[in-house]
């Protein structure tokens, strides 16, 4: 993820303190700016023997990794920082969202993704946990979750009314059923096309702020962006968000003043066919993050910025003889 370069870019746009967490973990899938502190890559235990439980794969590794990640996110929040988790696959949202909620109380979640990732362990056809994180987090689905090794620590922490999806376009039947059953707010790519991203984000922000204003957790899967823009990812789906739409989402959530944690996941350089594809995907990911932390395409400058003065002259704004435009 060129994390060192990304950290420097974030630091160019001072706004809120940020803690960056690297989460180099992919067992959940099948074969701007600020004063920034890098919390480093989370050390995950290597589970040598991790037999499937039914169809569910890598259960012990995913459960253990997310418990560790939850602890690190809680530490970031205790330090008074906005958590930025760089994955890794989207199963890591279990630990990221859980840690965020454990630290601050209730959270609202904006899930930007081509996929709903709300299959339960019993409804998933693949058994890959990166397609199931929200089922572990939602209060309303806890009676549908079987007992799994290394998952007993997880407590539900998100209500369906506090979840908004943007960019969906590839849902399993069970996921479609769950979202309809729970009345989740969904802006699929059909709604994005029909309403436009400005209206989608206006409605998203109004919806999240209409009741109690909870801290917002943005969980951003790079595959929400169309693969023509960000191809280096594990499960690309055509017909996604444009670069501009993707950046606009971050800009608008930043503007709420409620953005408290960000996940950016599923950037996978090994999936790029060329170096150009890899760089395009990584560059897009960095720009999405910078939008979340105050970088505006219309430009930024520090509040203290002043134009340099020629030698011997004081600040023009303070001079009583500073020229003014003539009346017409």
C-alpha atoms as a PDB file:
ATOM      1  CA  UNK A   1       0.000   0.000   0.000  1.00  0.00           C
ATOM      2  CA  UNK A   2       3.041   2.340  -0.087  1.00  0.00           C
ATOM      3  CA  UNK A   3       2.075   3.079   3.505  1.00  0.00           C
ATOM      4  CA  UNK A   4       5.029   5.370   4.243  1.00  0.00           C
ATOM      5  CA  UNK A   5       4.199   7.552   1.254  1.00  0.00           C
ATOM      6  CA  UNK A   6       0.528   7.532   2.204  1.00  0.00           C
ATOM      7  CA  UNK A   7       1.389   8.628   5.757  1.00  0.00           C
ATOM      8  CA  UNK A   8       3.347  11.582   4.417  1.00  0.00           C
ATOM      9  CA  UNK A   9       0.421  12.560   2.192  1.00  0.00           C
ATOM     10  CA  UNK A  10      -2.014  12.447   5.112  1.00  0.00           C
ATOM     11  CA  UNK A  11       0.295  14.644   7.139  1.00  0.00           C
ATOM     12  CA  UNK A  12       0.169  17.370   4.466  1.00  0.00           C
ATOM     13  CA  UNK A  13      -3.463  18.079   5.326  1.00  0.00           C
ATOM     14  CA  UNK A  14      -3.635  18.709   9.107  1.00  0.00           C
ATOM     15  CA  UNK A  15      -7.109  18.219  10.485  1.00  0.00           C
ATOM     16  CA  UNK A  16      -7.555  15.427  13.035  1.00  0.00           C
ATOM     17  CA  UNK A  17      -5.127  12.984  14.643  1.00  0.00           C
ATOM     18  CA  UNK A  18      -4.996   9.644  12.835  1.00  0.00           C
ATOM     19  CA  UNK A  19      -3.712   6.217  13.823  1.00  0.00           C
ATOM     20  CA  UNK A  20      -2.848   3.891  10.942  1.00  0.00           C
ATOM     21  CA  UNK A  21      -3.006   0.123  11.428  1.00  0.00           C
ATOM     22  CA  UNK A  22      -1.572  -2.281   8.875  1.00  0.00           C
ATOM     23  CA  UNK A  23      -3.472  -5.561   8.779  1.00  0.00           C
ATOM     24  CA  UNK A  24      -1.658  -7.903   6.365  1.00  0.00           C
ATOM     25  CA  UNK A  25      -4.179 -10.729   6.605  1.00  0.00           C
ATOM     26  CA  UNK A  26      -6.101 -12.539   3.858  1.00  0.00           C
ATOM     27  CA  UNK A  27      -7.383 -15.772   5.388  1.00  0.00           C
ATOM     28  CA  UNK A  28     -10.954 -14.517   5.132  1.00  0.00           C
ATOM     29  CA  UNK A  29     -10.971 -14.826   1.356  1.00  0.00           C
ATOM     30  CA  UNK A  30     -10.515 -17.755  -0.997  1.00  0.00           C
ATOM     31  CA  UNK A  31      -7.427 -18.720  -2.992  1.00  0.00           C
ATOM     32  CA  UNK A  32      -7.117  14.611   4.717  1.00  0.00           C
ATOM     33  CA  UNK A  33      -5.090  14.629   6.675  1.00  0.00           C
ATOM     34  CA  UNK A  34      -3.601  14.973   9.960  1.00  0.00           C
ATOM     35  CA  UNK A  35      -1.039  14.352  12.606  1.00  0.00           C
ATOM     36  CA  UNK A  36      -0.412  10.700  11.870  1.00  0.00           C
ATOM     37  CA  UNK A  37       0.874   7.883  14.041  1.00  0.00           C
ATOM     38  CA  UNK A  38       1.743   4.584  12.405  1.00  0.00           C
ATOM     39  CA  UNK A  39       0.813   1.731  14.736  1.00  0.00           C
ATOM     40  CA  UNK A  40       2.586  -0.713  12.448  1.00  0.00           C
ATOM     41  CA  UNK A  41       1.431  -4.029  11.085  1.00  0.00           C
ATOM     42  CA  UNK A  42      -0.595  -6.136  13.479  1.00  0.00           C
ATOM     43  CA  UNK A  43       1.157  -9.404  14.297  1.00  0.00           C
ATOM     44  CA  UNK A  44      -1.224 -12.279  13.594  1.00  0.00           C
ATOM     45  CA  UNK A  45      -0.794 -15.807  14.881  1.00  0.00           C
ATOM     46  CA  UNK A  46      -0.107 -18.400  12.213  1.00  0.00           C
ATOM     47  CA  UNK A  47      -2.676 -21.172  12.671  1.00  0.00           C
ATOM     48  CA  UNK A  48      -1.062 -24.253  11.146  1.00  0.00           C
ATOM     49  CA  UNK A  49      -4.099 -26.552  11.408  1.00  0.00           C
ATOM     50  CA  UNK A  50      -7.383 -24.818  10.647  1.00  0.00           C
ATOM     51  CA  UNK A  51      -9.852 -27.355   9.312  1.00  0.00           C
ATOM     52  CA  UNK A  52     -13.172 -26.032   7.958  1.00  0.00           C
ATOM     53  CA  UNK A  53     -16.207 -25.982  10.207  1.00  0.00           C
ATOM     54  CA  UNK A  54     -18.873 -27.149   7.817  1.00  0.00           C
ATOM     55  CA  UNK A  55     -18.289 -24.933   4.780  1.00  0.00           C
ATOM     56  CA  UNK A  56     -16.646 -22.130   6.758  1.00  0.00           C
ATOM     57  CA  UNK A  57     -12.925 -21.850   6.058  1.00  0.00           C
ATOM     58  CA  UNK A  58     -10.021 -20.647   8.197  1.00  0.00           C
ATOM     59  CA  UNK A  59     -12.296 -20.071  11.177  1.00  0.00           C
ATOM     60  CA  UNK A  60      -9.610 -20.154  13.863  1.00  0.00           C
ATOM     61  CA  UNK A  61      -7.227 -17.871  11.987  1.00  0.00           C
ATOM     62  CA  UNK A  62      -9.918 -15.305  11.159  1.00  0.00           C
ATOM     63  CA  UNK A  63     -11.356 -15.306  14.671  1.00  0.00           C
ATOM     64  CA  UNK A  64      -7.952 -14.912  16.301  1.00  0.00           C
ATOM     65  CA  UNK A  65      -6.797 -12.223  13.878  1.00  0.00           C
ATOM     66  CA  UNK A  66      -9.907 -10.136  14.420  1.00  0.00           C
ATOM     67  CA  UNK A  67      -9.624 -10.366  18.179  1.00  0.00           C
ATOM     68  CA  UNK A  68      -6.102  -8.986  17.972  1.00  0.00           C
ATOM     69  CA  UNK A  69      -7.179  -6.270  15.530  1.00  0.00           C
ATOM     70  CA  UNK A  70     -10.063  -5.243  17.797  1.00  0.00           C
ATOM     71  CA  UNK A  71      -7.573  -4.704  20.624  1.00  0.00           C
ATOM     72  CA  UNK A  72      -5.343  -2.510  18.459  1.00  0.00           C
ATOM     73  CA  UNK A  73      -8.264  -0.401  17.186  1.00  0.00           C
ATOM     74  CA  UNK A  74      -9.375   0.142  20.779  1.00  0.00           C
ATOM     75  CA  UNK A  75      -5.866   1.358  21.595  1.00  0.00           C
ATOM     76  CA  UNK A  76      -5.958   3.818  18.691  1.00  0.00           C
ATOM     77  CA  UNK A  77      -9.300   5.197  19.847  1.00  0.00           C
ATOM     78  CA  UNK A  78      -8.116   5.475  23.454  1.00  0.00           C
ATOM     79  CA  UNK A  79      -5.296   7.652  22.105  1.00  0.00           C
ATOM     80  CA  UNK A  80      -7.942   9.995  20.683  1.00  0.00           C
ATOM     81  CA  UNK A  81      -7.215   9.219  17.039  1.00  0.00           C
ATOM     82  CA  UNK A  82      -9.239   8.327  13.976  1.00  0.00           C
ATOM     83  CA  UNK A  83      -8.474   4.684  13.239  1.00  0.00           C
ATOM     84  CA  UNK A  84      -7.333   3.811   9.708  1.00  0.00           C
ATOM     85  CA  UNK A  85      -7.101   0.069   9.065  1.00  0.00           C
ATOM     86  CA  UNK A  86      -5.349  -0.987   5.870  1.00  0.00           C
ATOM     87  CA  UNK A  87      -6.189  -4.594   4.945  1.00  0.00           C
ATOM     88  CA  UNK A  88      -6.069  -7.290   4.051  1.00  0.00           C
ATOM     89  CA  UNK A  89      -9.442  -8.827   3.232  1.00  0.00           C
ATOM     90  CA  UNK A  90     -12.827  -7.588   4.375  1.00  0.00           C
ATOM     91  CA  UNK A  91     -13.210 -10.201   7.114  1.00  0.00           C
ATOM     92  CA  UNK A  92     -11.003  -7.796   9.105  1.00  0.00           C
ATOM     93  CA  UNK A  93     -13.949  -5.435   9.445  1.00  0.00           C
ATOM     94  CA  UNK A  94     -15.164  -7.753  12.215  1.00  0.00           C
ATOM     95  CA  UNK A  95     -12.298  -6.701  14.460  1.00  0.00           C
ATOM     96  CA  UNK A  96     -12.099  -3.136  13.198  1.00  0.00           C
ATOM     97  CA  UNK A  97     -15.777  -2.297  13.743  1.00  0.00           C
ATOM     98  CA  UNK A  98     -15.906  -4.284  17.000  1.00  0.00           C
ATOM     99  CA  UNK A  99     -12.873  -2.447  18.396  1.00  0.00           C
ATOM    100  CA  UNK A 100     -14.273   0.912  17.346  1.00  0.00           C
ATOM    101  CA  UNK A 101     -17.642   0.252  18.985  1.00  0.00           C
ATOM    102  CA  UNK A 102     -16.015  -1.157  22.119  1.00  0.00           C
ATOM    103  CA  UNK A 103     -14.035   2.059  22.496  1.00  0.00           C
ATOM    104  CA  UNK A 104     -16.703   4.678  21.742  1.00  0.00           C
ATOM    105  CA  UNK A 105     -20.070   2.955  22.192  1.00  0.00           C
ATOM    106  CA  UNK A 106     -22.584   2.705  19.355  1.00  0.00           C
ATOM    107  CA  UNK A 107     -21.379   3.410  15.822  1.00  0.00           C
ATOM    108  CA  UNK A 108     -22.969   3.972  12.435  1.00  0.00           C
ATOM    109  CA  UNK A 109     -21.429   2.032   9.550  1.00  0.00           C
ATOM    110  CA  UNK A 110     -21.161   3.092   5.906  1.00  0.00           C
ATOM    111  CA  UNK A 111     -20.231   0.010   3.881  1.00  0.00           C
ATOM    112  CA  UNK A 112     -18.908   0.899   0.416  1.00  0.00           C
ATOM    113  CA  UNK A 113     -18.538  -2.315  -1.541  1.00  0.00           C
ATOM    114  CA  UNK A 114     -19.634  -4.240  -4.599  1.00  0.00           C
ATOM    115  CA  UNK A 115     -20.776  -6.984  -2.198  1.00  0.00           C
ATOM    116  CA  UNK A 116     -23.031  -6.937   0.871  1.00  0.00           C
ATOM    117  CA  UNK A 117     -20.743  -9.207   2.949  1.00  0.00           C
ATOM    118  CA  UNK A 118     -23.693 -10.184   5.153  1.00  0.00           C
ATOM    119  CA  UNK A 119     -23.949 -13.910   4.538  1.00  0.00           C
ATOM    120  CA  UNK A 120     -24.126 -15.970   7.694  1.00  0.00           C
ATOM    121  CA  UNK A 121     -21.777 -18.948   8.146  1.00  0.00           C
ATOM    122  CA  UNK A 122     -24.725 -21.167   7.248  1.00  0.00           C
ATOM    123  CA  UNK A 123     -25.970 -19.230   4.204  1.00  0.00           C
ATOM    124  CA  UNK A 124     -22.581 -18.731   2.528  1.00  0.00           C
ATOM    125  CA  UNK A 125     -21.982 -20.959  -0.506  1.00  0.00           C
ATOM    126  CA  UNK A 126     -18.210 -20.400  -0.529  1.00  0.00           C
ATOM    127  CA  UNK A 127     -17.474 -20.511   3.188  1.00  0.00           C
ATOM    128  CA  UNK A 128     -15.116 -17.532   2.789  1.00  0.00           C
ATOM    129  CA  UNK A 129     -15.403 -15.285   5.824  1.00  0.00           C
ATOM    130  CA  UNK A 130     -14.653 -12.099   3.884  1.00  0.00           C
ATOM    131  CA  UNK A 131     -18.240 -12.399   2.628  1.00  0.00           C
ATOM    132  CA  UNK A 132     -19.685 -12.677   6.153  1.00  0.00           C
ATOM    133  CA  UNK A 133     -18.342  -9.946   8.489  1.00  0.00           C
ATOM    134  CA  UNK A 134     -21.562  -8.004   8.939  1.00  0.00           C
ATOM    135  CA  UNK A 135     -23.483 -11.078  10.045  1.00  0.00           C
ATOM    136  CA  UNK A 136     -21.197 -11.250  13.101  1.00  0.00           C
ATOM    137  CA  UNK A 137     -21.604  -7.532  13.829  1.00  0.00           C
ATOM    138  CA  UNK A 138     -25.363  -7.042  13.460  1.00  0.00           C
ATOM    139  CA  UNK A 139     -27.493  -7.476  16.578  1.00  0.00           C
ATOM    140  CA  UNK A 140     -30.428  -8.715  14.513  1.00  0.00           C
ATOM    141  CA  UNK A 141     -28.520 -11.717  13.095  1.00  0.00           C
ATOM    142  CA  UNK A 142     -26.987 -13.149  16.251  1.00  0.00           C
ATOM    143  CA  UNK A 143     -29.534 -15.944  16.527  1.00  0.00           C
ATOM    144  CA  UNK A 144     -28.383 -17.120  13.081  1.00  0.00           C
ATOM    145  CA  UNK A 145     -24.690 -17.445  13.982  1.00  0.00           C
ATOM    146  CA  UNK A 146     -23.435 -20.898  15.016  1.00  0.00           C
ATOM    147  CA  UNK A 147     -20.774 -21.428  17.655  1.00  0.00           C
ATOM    148  CA  UNK A 148     -17.338 -21.225  16.026  1.00  0.00           C
ATOM    149  CA  UNK A 149     -13.845 -21.666  17.517  1.00  0.00           C
ATOM    150  CA  UNK A 150     -12.065 -18.355  18.278  1.00  0.00           C
ATOM    151  CA  UNK A 151     -15.282 -16.367  17.787  1.00  0.00           C
ATOM    152  CA  UNK A 152     -16.763 -16.455  21.291  1.00  0.00           C
ATOM    153  CA  UNK A 153     -15.261 -13.025  22.117  1.00  0.00           C
ATOM    154  CA  UNK A 154     -17.311 -11.257  19.438  1.00  0.00           C
ATOM    155  CA  UNK A 155     -20.372  -9.365  20.633  1.00  0.00           C
ATOM    156  CA  UNK A 156     -22.750  -7.697  18.161  1.00  0.00           C
ATOM    157  CA  UNK A 157     -22.275  -3.945  18.064  1.00  0.00           C
ATOM    158  CA  UNK A 158     -24.232  -2.544  15.075  1.00  0.00           C
ATOM    159  CA  UNK A 159     -27.980  -2.149  14.580  1.00  0.00           C
ATOM    160  CA  UNK A 160     -29.434  -2.528  11.093  1.00  0.00           C
ATOM    161  CA  UNK A 161     -30.869   1.001  11.266  1.00  0.00           C
ATOM    162  CA  UNK A 162     -27.311   2.320  11.657  1.00  0.00           C
ATOM    163  CA  UNK A 163     -25.977   0.651   8.504  1.00  0.00           C
ATOM    164  CA  UNK A 164     -25.871   2.192   5.023  1.00  0.00           C
ATOM    165  CA  UNK A 165     -24.564   0.488   1.887  1.00  0.00           C
ATOM    166  CA  UNK A 166     -23.228   2.313  -1.166  1.00  0.00           C
ATOM    167  CA  UNK A 167     -22.189   0.699  -4.455  1.00  0.00           C
ATOM    168  CA  UNK A 168     -23.744  -2.793  -4.203  1.00  0.00           C
ATOM    169  CA  UNK A 169     -24.050  -4.759  -7.428  1.00  0.00           C
ATOM    170  CA  UNK A 170     -23.318  -8.421  -6.657  1.00  0.00           C
ATOM    171  CA  UNK A 171     -25.555  -9.948  -3.965  1.00  0.00           C
ATOM    172  CA  UNK A 172     -26.280 -13.566  -3.099  1.00  0.00           C
ATOM    173  CA  UNK A 173     -29.974 -14.443  -2.657  1.00  0.00           C
ATOM    174  CA  UNK A 174     -29.527 -14.856   1.115  1.00  0.00           C
ATOM    175  CA  UNK A 175     -27.926 -11.427   1.362  1.00  0.00           C
ATOM    176  CA  UNK A 176     -30.754  -9.810  -0.612  1.00  0.00           C
ATOM    177  CA  UNK A 177     -33.246 -11.507   1.691  1.00  0.00           C
ATOM    178  CA  UNK A 178     -31.421 -10.324   4.832  1.00  0.00           C
ATOM    179  CA  UNK A 179     -31.222  -6.699   3.702  1.00  0.00           C
ATOM    180  CA  UNK A 180     -34.929  -6.631   2.828  1.00  0.00           C
ATOM    181  CA  UNK A 181     -35.881  -8.411   6.060  1.00  0.00           C
ATOM    182  CA  UNK A 182     -33.938  -5.971   8.230  1.00  0.00           C
ATOM    183  CA  UNK A 183     -34.870  -2.860   6.252  1.00  0.00           C
ATOM    184  CA  UNK A 184     -31.257  -1.815   5.728  1.00  0.00           C
ATOM    185  CA  UNK A 185     -30.643   1.444   3.854  1.00  0.00           C
ATOM    186  CA  UNK A 186     -29.123   0.434   0.511  1.00  0.00           C
ATOM    187  CA  UNK A 187     -27.860   2.526  -2.394  1.00  0.00           C
ATOM    188  CA  UNK A 188     -26.965  -0.050  -5.030  1.00  0.00           C
ATOM    189  CA  UNK A 189     -25.365   1.005  -8.289  1.00  0.00           C
ATOM    190  CA  UNK A 190     -28.904   1.264  -9.665  1.00  0.00           C
ATOM    191  CA  UNK A 191     -29.643   4.043  -7.160  1.00  0.00           C
ATOM    192  CA  UNK A 192     -26.245   5.650  -7.792  1.00  0.00           C
ATOM    193  CA  UNK A 193     -27.022   5.730 -11.520  1.00  0.00           C
ATOM    194  CA  UNK A 194     -30.564   7.011 -10.975  1.00  0.00           C
ATOM    195  CA  UNK A 195     -29.970   9.590  -8.259  1.00  0.00           C
ATOM    196  CA  UNK A 196     -26.337  10.543  -8.810  1.00  0.00           C
ATOM    197  CA  UNK A 197     -23.651  10.278  -6.145  1.00  0.00           C
ATOM    198  CA  UNK A 198     -24.362  13.781  -4.766  1.00  0.00           C
ATOM    199  CA  UNK A 199     -27.961  12.865  -3.927  1.00  0.00           C
ATOM    200  CA  UNK A 200     -26.906   9.456  -2.585  1.00  0.00           C
ATOM    201  CA  UNK A 201     -24.434  11.010  -0.160  1.00  0.00           C
ATOM    202  CA  UNK A 202     -26.832  13.784   0.811  1.00  0.00           C
ATOM    203  CA  UNK A 203     -29.436  11.165   1.739  1.00  0.00           C
ATOM    204  CA  UNK A 204     -26.825   9.013   3.479  1.00  0.00           C
ATOM    205  CA  UNK A 205     -25.621  11.855   5.680  1.00  0.00           C
ATOM    206  CA  UNK A 206     -29.169  13.019   6.441  1.00  0.00           C
ATOM    207  CA  UNK A 207     -30.182   9.466   7.346  1.00  0.00           C
ATOM    208  CA  UNK A 208     -27.237   8.976   9.700  1.00  0.00           C
ATOM    209  CA  UNK A 209     -27.646  12.378  11.346  1.00  0.00           C
ATOM    210  CA  UNK A 210     -31.443  12.370  11.671  1.00  0.00           C
ATOM    211  CA  UNK A 211     -31.381  10.489  14.979  1.00  0.00           C
ATOM    212  CA  UNK A 212     -28.601  10.368  17.542  1.00  0.00           C
ATOM    213  CA  UNK A 213     -25.387  11.349  15.774  1.00  0.00           C
ATOM    214  CA  UNK A 214     -23.145   8.332  16.249  1.00  0.00           C
ATOM    215  CA  UNK A 215     -19.482   8.145  15.235  1.00  0.00           C
ATOM    216  CA  UNK A 216     -19.228   6.921  11.650  1.00  0.00           C
ATOM    217  CA  UNK A 217     -17.188   3.885  10.675  1.00  0.00           C
ATOM    218  CA  UNK A 218     -16.459   3.838   6.933  1.00  0.00           C
ATOM    219  CA  UNK A 219     -15.588   0.370   5.671  1.00  0.00           C
ATOM    220  CA  UNK A 220     -14.348   0.780   2.103  1.00  0.00           C
ATOM    221  CA  UNK A 221     -13.655  -2.192  -0.149  1.00  0.00           C
ATOM    222  CA  UNK A 222     -11.623  -1.133  -3.180  1.00  0.00           C
ATOM    223  CA  UNK A 223     -13.797  -3.395  -5.351  1.00  0.00           C
ATOM    224  CA  UNK A 224     -16.575  -0.817  -4.948  1.00  0.00           C
ATOM    225  CA  UNK A 225     -14.598   1.103  -7.578  1.00  0.00           C
ATOM    226  CA  UNK A 226     -14.983  -0.110 -11.148  1.00  0.00           C
ATOM    227  CA  UNK A 227     -12.201  -2.532 -12.162  1.00  0.00           C
ATOM    228  CA  UNK A 228     -11.325  -0.281 -15.102  1.00  0.00           C
ATOM    229  CA  UNK A 229     -10.031   2.127 -12.433  1.00  0.00           C
ATOM    230  CA  UNK A 230      -8.902  -0.246  -9.636  1.00  0.00           C
ATOM    231  CA  UNK A 231      -8.301  -3.706 -11.113  1.00  0.00           C
ATOM    232  CA  UNK A 232      -5.864  -5.155  -8.545  1.00  0.00           C
ATOM    233  CA  UNK A 233      -8.369  -6.740  -6.186  1.00  0.00           C
ATOM    234  CA  UNK A 234      -9.612 -10.241  -5.491  1.00  0.00           C
ATOM    235  CA  UNK A 235     -13.290 -10.069  -6.504  1.00  0.00           C
ATOM    236  CA  UNK A 236     -13.735  -7.319  -9.129  1.00  0.00           C
ATOM    237  CA  UNK A 237     -17.229  -6.628 -10.462  1.00  0.00           C
ATOM    238  CA  UNK A 238     -17.868  -4.499 -13.548  1.00  0.00           C
ATOM    239  CA  UNK A 239     -20.205  -1.526 -13.384  1.00  0.00           C
ATOM    240  CA  UNK A 240     -18.788   0.054 -10.236  1.00  0.00           C
ATOM    241  CA  UNK A 241     -18.163   3.527  -8.903  1.00  0.00           C
ATOM    242  CA  UNK A 242     -16.028   5.895 -10.932  1.00  0.00           C
ATOM    243  CA  UNK A 243     -12.908   7.424  -9.436  1.00  0.00           C
ATOM    244  CA  UNK A 244     -14.734  10.706  -8.918  1.00  0.00           C
ATOM    245  CA  UNK A 245     -17.719   9.042  -7.248  1.00  0.00           C
ATOM    246  CA  UNK A 246     -15.430   7.099  -4.953  1.00  0.00           C
ATOM    247  CA  UNK A 247     -13.526  10.197  -3.863  1.00  0.00           C
ATOM    248  CA  UNK A 248     -16.746  12.168  -3.393  1.00  0.00           C
ATOM    249  CA  UNK A 249     -17.955   9.623  -0.820  1.00  0.00           C
ATOM    250  CA  UNK A 250     -14.887  10.270   1.315  1.00  0.00           C
ATOM    251  CA  UNK A 251     -15.172  14.044   0.939  1.00  0.00           C
ATOM    252  CA  UNK A 252     -18.784  14.085   2.073  1.00  0.00           C
ATOM    253  CA  UNK A 253     -18.294  11.802   5.070  1.00  0.00           C
ATOM    254  CA  UNK A 254     -15.290  13.872   6.119  1.00  0.00           C
ATOM    255  CA  UNK A 255     -17.508  16.937   6.011  1.00  0.00           C
ATOM    256  CA  UNK A 256     -19.909  15.513   8.599  1.00  0.00           C
ATOM    257  CA  UNK A 257     -17.297  15.802  11.335  1.00  0.00           C
ATOM    258  CA  UNK A 258     -18.399  12.358  12.543  1.00  0.00           C
ATOM    259  CA  UNK A 259     -15.934  10.139  10.681  1.00  0.00           C
ATOM    260  CA  UNK A 260     -14.184   8.196  13.445  1.00  0.00           C
ATOM    261  CA  UNK A 261     -12.709   5.108  11.743  1.00  0.00           C
ATOM    262  CA  UNK A 262     -11.897   3.985   8.206  1.00  0.00           C
ATOM    263  CA  UNK A 263     -11.135   0.568   6.752  1.00  0.00           C
ATOM    264  CA  UNK A 264      -9.598   0.310   3.291  1.00  0.00           C
ATOM    265  CA  UNK A 265      -9.383  -3.306   2.240  1.00  0.00           C
ATOM    266  CA  UNK A 266      -8.944  -5.798  -0.596  1.00  0.00           C
ATOM    267  CA  UNK A 267      -6.146  -3.937  -2.383  1.00  0.00           C
ATOM    268  CA  UNK A 268      -4.159  -6.893  -3.721  1.00  0.00           C
ATOM    269  CA  UNK A 269      -1.116  -6.145  -5.904  1.00  0.00           C
ATOM    270  CA  UNK A 270      -0.841  -9.847  -6.756  1.00  0.00           C
ATOM    271  CA  UNK A 271      -4.087  -9.525  -8.696  1.00  0.00           C
ATOM    272  CA  UNK A 272      -2.772  -6.809 -10.976  1.00  0.00           C
ATOM    273  CA  UNK A 273      -1.840  -8.050 -14.432  1.00  0.00           C
ATOM    274  CA  UNK A 274       0.695  -5.272 -14.954  1.00  0.00           C
ATOM    275  CA  UNK A 275       2.598  -2.768 -12.835  1.00  0.00           C
ATOM    276  CA  UNK A 276       0.334  -0.073 -14.280  1.00  0.00           C
ATOM    277  CA  UNK A 277      -2.750  -1.863 -12.920  1.00  0.00           C
ATOM    278  CA  UNK A 278      -1.139  -2.211  -9.494  1.00  0.00           C
ATOM    279  CA  UNK A 279      -0.141   1.461  -9.352  1.00  0.00           C
ATOM    280  CA  UNK A 280      -3.580   2.574 -10.548  1.00  0.00           C
ATOM    281  CA  UNK A 281      -5.271   0.594  -7.780  1.00  0.00           C
ATOM    282  CA  UNK A 282      -2.881   1.701  -5.045  1.00  0.00           C
ATOM    283  CA  UNK A 283      -3.035   5.320  -6.194  1.00  0.00           C
ATOM    284  CA  UNK A 284      -6.827   5.245  -6.156  1.00  0.00           C
ATOM    285  CA  UNK A 285      -6.804   3.757  -2.653  1.00  0.00           C
ATOM    286  CA  UNK A 286      -4.519   6.520  -1.390  1.00  0.00           C
ATOM    287  CA  UNK A 287      -6.735   9.204  -2.917  1.00  0.00           C
ATOM    288  CA  UNK A 288      -9.834   7.676  -1.303  1.00  0.00           C
ATOM    289  CA  UNK A 289      -8.120   7.888   2.088  1.00  0.00           C
ATOM    290  CA  UNK A 290      -6.938  11.457   1.564  1.00  0.00           C
ATOM    291  CA  UNK A 291     -10.510  12.496   0.717  1.00  0.00           C
ATOM    292  CA  UNK A 292     -11.623  11.054   4.054  1.00  0.00           C
ATOM    293  CA  UNK A 293      -9.206  13.319   5.885  1.00  0.00           C
ATOM    294  CA  UNK A 294      -9.830  16.678   4.372  1.00  0.00           C
ATOM    295  CA  UNK A 295      -8.091  16.850   1.017  1.00  0.00           C
ATOM    296  CA  UNK A 296     -10.434  18.626  -1.365  1.00  0.00           C
ATOM    297  CA  UNK A 297     -10.190  18.615  -5.126  1.00  0.00           C
ATOM    298  CA  UNK A 298     -11.001  22.328  -4.999  1.00  0.00           C
ATOM    299  CA  UNK A 299      -7.777  22.789  -3.032  1.00  0.00           C
ATOM    300  CA  UNK A 300      -6.640  23.268   0.561  1.00  0.00           C
ATOM    301  CA  UNK A 301      -4.419  25.669   2.485  1.00  0.00           C
ATOM    302  CA  UNK A 302      -3.543  25.896   6.184  1.00  0.00           C
ATOM    303  CA  UNK A 303      -5.456  28.538   8.158  1.00  0.00           C
ATOM    304  CA  UNK A 304      -2.142  30.196   8.996  1.00  0.00           C
ATOM    305  CA  UNK A 305      -0.954  30.461   5.376  1.00  0.00           C
ATOM    306  CA  UNK A 306       0.157  33.908   4.146  1.00  0.00           C
ATOM    307  CA  UNK A 307       1.618  34.934   0.802  1.00  0.00           C
ATOM    308  CA  UNK A 308       5.363  35.623   0.917  1.00  0.00           C
ATOM    309  CA  UNK A 309       6.243  39.321   0.912  1.00  0.00           C
ATOM    310  CA  UNK A 310       8.980  41.107  -1.046  1.00  0.00           C
ATOM    311  CA  UNK A 311      11.966  42.221   1.111  1.00  0.00           C
ATOM    312  CA  UNK A 312      11.229  45.341   3.156  1.00  0.00           C
ATOM    313  CA  UNK A 313       7.472  45.097   2.905  1.00  0.00           C
ATOM    314  CA  UNK A 314       5.081  44.024   5.637  1.00  0.00           C
ATOM    315  CA  UNK A 315       1.945  41.949   5.131  1.00  0.00           C
ATOM    316  CA  UNK A 316      -0.209  43.599   2.474  1.00  0.00           C
ATOM    317  CA  UNK A 317      -3.414  42.777   4.345  1.00  0.00           C
ATOM    318  CA  UNK A 318      -2.182  44.810   7.336  1.00  0.00           C
ATOM    319  CA  UNK A 319      -1.101  47.841   5.282  1.00  0.00           C
ATOM    320  CA  UNK A 320      -3.484  50.848   5.228  1.00  0.00           C
ATOM    321  CA  UNK A 321      -2.229  51.643   1.718  1.00  0.00           C
ATOM    322  CA  UNK A 322      -2.863  48.179   0.259  1.00  0.00           C
ATOM    323  CA  UNK A 323      -4.405  48.703  -3.180  1.00  0.00           C
ATOM    324  CA  UNK A 324      -8.089  48.004  -3.667  1.00  0.00           C
ATOM    325  CA  UNK A 325     -10.024  47.399  -6.828  1.00  0.00           C
ATOM    326  CA  UNK A 326     -11.555  50.564  -8.271  1.00  0.00           C
ATOM    327  CA  UNK A 327     -15.330  51.008  -8.276  1.00  0.00           C
ATOM    328  CA  UNK A 328     -16.885  50.567 -11.695  1.00  0.00           C
END
